[in-house]
Amino acid sequence: MAPRHSLPSASTGAVAAVLVGGVVLTALLTAVAVTAVSVAVAAVVLRSLLANQRHR
């Protein structure tokens, strides 16, 4: 009976590890996406500022 009790605990631990890993990966991907969007916005703003200076 002991192995039967240890197997569900191990599987739940593995499931918990997979869930935590998925959450961490999702958070990292979200951070990378936010950084990319902010860099793109900054590039567009800098382009517009440089274009305005060139026209003036």
N, C-alpha and C. Protein backbone atom coordinates (compact mmCIF):
# COMPACT_ATOMS: atom_id res chain seq x y z
N MET A 1 0.83 -1.21 0.00
CA MET A 1 0.00 0.00 0.00
C MET A 1 0.86 1.26 0.00
N ALA A 2 2.08 1.17 0.54
CA ALA A 2 2.93 2.36 0.60
C ALA A 2 3.30 2.88 -0.80
N PRO A 3 3.69 1.99 -1.74
CA PRO A 3 4.03 2.51 -3.08
C PRO A 3 2.84 3.20 -3.75
N ARG A 4 1.63 2.67 -3.51
CA ARG A 4 0.46 3.30 -4.14
C ARG A 4 0.27 4.71 -3.60
N HIS A 5 0.61 4.94 -2.33
CA HIS A 5 0.45 6.28 -1.77
C HIS A 5 1.56 7.21 -2.25
N SER A 6 2.75 6.66 -2.50
CA SER A 6 3.87 7.50 -2.91
C SER A 6 3.72 7.91 -4.38
N LEU A 7 3.12 7.06 -5.20
CA LEU A 7 2.99 7.39 -6.63
C LEU A 7 2.10 8.62 -6.85
N PRO A 8 0.90 8.70 -6.23
CA PRO A 8 0.11 9.93 -6.44
C PRO A 8 0.82 11.17 -5.95
N SER A 9 1.55 11.08 -4.84
CA SER A 9 2.24 12.26 -4.33
C SER A 9 3.33 12.68 -5.31
N ALA A 10 4.03 11.69 -5.89
CA ALA A 10 5.08 12.02 -6.86
C ALA A 10 4.45 12.63 -8.11
N SER A 11 3.32 12.08 -8.56
CA SER A 11 2.69 12.61 -9.77
C SER A 11 2.16 14.02 -9.50
N THR A 12 1.60 14.25 -8.32
CA THR A 12 1.12 15.60 -8.03
C THR A 12 2.30 16.56 -7.93
N GLY A 13 3.42 16.09 -7.39
CA GLY A 13 4.61 16.93 -7.34
C GLY A 13 5.09 17.27 -8.74
N ALA A 14 5.06 16.27 -9.65
CA ALA A 14 5.48 16.51 -11.03
C ALA A 14 4.51 17.49 -11.69
N VAL A 15 3.22 17.31 -11.44
CA VAL A 15 2.23 18.22 -12.02
C VAL A 15 2.45 19.64 -11.49
N ALA A 16 2.72 19.75 -10.20
CA ALA A 16 2.97 21.06 -9.62
C ALA A 16 4.23 21.68 -10.23
N ALA A 17 5.27 20.88 -10.43
CA ALA A 17 6.50 21.39 -11.02
C ALA A 17 6.24 21.87 -12.44
N VAL A 18 5.47 21.08 -13.20
CA VAL A 18 5.16 21.48 -14.59
C VAL A 18 4.34 22.76 -14.59
N LEU A 19 3.38 22.87 -13.66
CA LEU A 19 2.56 24.09 -13.60
C LEU A 19 3.41 25.29 -13.25
N VAL A 20 4.29 25.13 -12.25
CA VAL A 20 5.16 26.24 -11.86
C VAL A 20 6.08 26.62 -13.01
N GLY A 21 6.63 25.62 -13.69
CA GLY A 21 7.50 25.90 -14.84
C GLY A 21 6.73 26.62 -15.94
N GLY A 22 5.51 26.21 -16.18
CA GLY A 22 4.70 26.88 -17.20
C GLY A 22 4.40 28.32 -16.82
N VAL A 23 4.10 28.54 -15.55
CA VAL A 23 3.83 29.92 -15.10
C VAL A 23 5.07 30.78 -15.25
N VAL A 24 6.23 30.23 -14.88
CA VAL A 24 7.48 30.99 -14.99
C VAL A 24 7.78 31.30 -16.45
N LEU A 25 7.63 30.30 -17.32
CA LEU A 25 7.90 30.53 -18.74
C LEU A 25 6.93 31.55 -19.32
N THR A 26 5.67 31.47 -18.93
CA THR A 26 4.69 32.43 -19.41
C THR A 26 5.04 33.84 -18.94
N ALA A 27 5.48 33.96 -17.69
CA ALA A 27 5.87 35.27 -17.18
C ALA A 27 7.07 35.81 -17.94
N LEU A 28 8.04 34.95 -18.23
CA LEU A 28 9.23 35.39 -18.97
C LEU A 28 8.84 35.82 -20.38
N LEU A 29 7.98 35.03 -21.04
CA LEU A 29 7.56 35.40 -22.39
C LEU A 29 6.80 36.71 -22.38
N THR A 30 5.95 36.91 -21.38
CA THR A 30 5.21 38.16 -21.27
C THR A 30 6.17 39.33 -21.07
N ALA A 31 7.18 39.13 -20.23
CA ALA A 31 8.16 40.21 -20.00
C ALA A 31 8.90 40.53 -21.28
N VAL A 32 9.29 39.51 -22.04
CA VAL A 32 10.00 39.74 -23.30
C VAL A 32 9.09 40.48 -24.29
N ALA A 33 7.81 40.10 -24.35
CA ALA A 33 6.89 40.75 -25.27
C ALA A 33 6.70 42.22 -24.88
N VAL A 34 6.54 42.49 -23.58
CA VAL A 34 6.37 43.87 -23.12
C VAL A 34 7.61 44.69 -23.44
N THR A 35 8.79 44.11 -23.24
CA THR A 35 10.03 44.81 -23.54
C THR A 35 10.12 45.11 -25.03
N ALA A 36 9.77 44.14 -25.87
CA ALA A 36 9.83 44.35 -27.32
C ALA A 36 8.87 45.46 -27.74
N VAL A 37 7.67 45.48 -27.17
CA VAL A 37 6.70 46.51 -27.52
C VAL A 37 7.20 47.88 -27.07
N SER A 38 7.76 47.96 -25.88
CA SER A 38 8.26 49.25 -25.39
C SER A 38 9.43 49.74 -26.25
N VAL A 39 10.30 48.83 -26.66
CA VAL A 39 11.42 49.22 -27.52
C VAL A 39 10.89 49.70 -28.87
N ALA A 40 9.88 49.03 -29.39
CA ALA A 40 9.31 49.46 -30.68
C ALA A 40 8.68 50.84 -30.55
N VAL A 41 7.96 51.08 -29.47
CA VAL A 41 7.33 52.39 -29.26
C VAL A 41 8.41 53.46 -29.14
N ALA A 42 9.47 53.17 -28.39
CA ALA A 42 10.56 54.14 -28.23
C ALA A 42 11.21 54.42 -29.58
N ALA A 43 11.39 53.41 -30.41
CA ALA A 43 11.98 53.61 -31.73
C ALA A 43 11.09 54.50 -32.59
N VAL A 44 9.78 54.26 -32.54
CA VAL A 44 8.86 55.09 -33.34
C VAL A 44 8.91 56.53 -32.85
N VAL A 45 8.93 56.74 -31.54
CA VAL A 45 8.98 58.09 -30.99
C VAL A 45 10.28 58.78 -31.40
N LEU A 46 11.39 58.08 -31.30
CA LEU A 46 12.67 58.67 -31.69
C LEU A 46 12.67 58.99 -33.19
N ARG A 47 12.09 58.12 -34.00
CA ARG A 47 12.03 58.38 -35.44
C ARG A 47 11.23 59.66 -35.71
N SER A 48 10.08 59.78 -35.05
CA SER A 48 9.25 60.96 -35.29
C SER A 48 9.98 62.22 -34.83
N LEU A 49 10.68 62.14 -33.70
CA LEU A 49 11.42 63.31 -33.22
C LEU A 49 12.52 63.67 -34.20
N LEU A 50 13.25 62.67 -34.70
CA LEU A 50 14.31 62.96 -35.65
C LEU A 50 13.73 63.51 -36.95
N ALA A 51 12.62 63.01 -37.39
CA ALA A 51 11.98 63.50 -38.61
C ALA A 51 11.55 64.95 -38.43
N ASN A 52 11.00 65.28 -37.25
CA ASN A 52 10.60 66.65 -36.99
C ASN A 52 11.81 67.58 -37.00
N GLN A 53 12.92 67.13 -36.44
CA GLN A 53 14.11 67.98 -36.41
C GLN A 53 14.67 68.17 -37.81
N ARG A 54 14.60 67.15 -38.63
CA ARG A 54 15.12 67.28 -40.00
C ARG A 54 14.28 68.25 -40.81
N HIS A 55 12.96 68.19 -40.62
CA HIS A 55 12.08 69.09 -41.39
C HIS A 55 12.27 70.53 -40.95
N ARG A 56 12.57 70.75 -39.67
CA ARG A 56 12.75 72.11 -39.21
C ARG A 56 14.11 72.56 -39.56
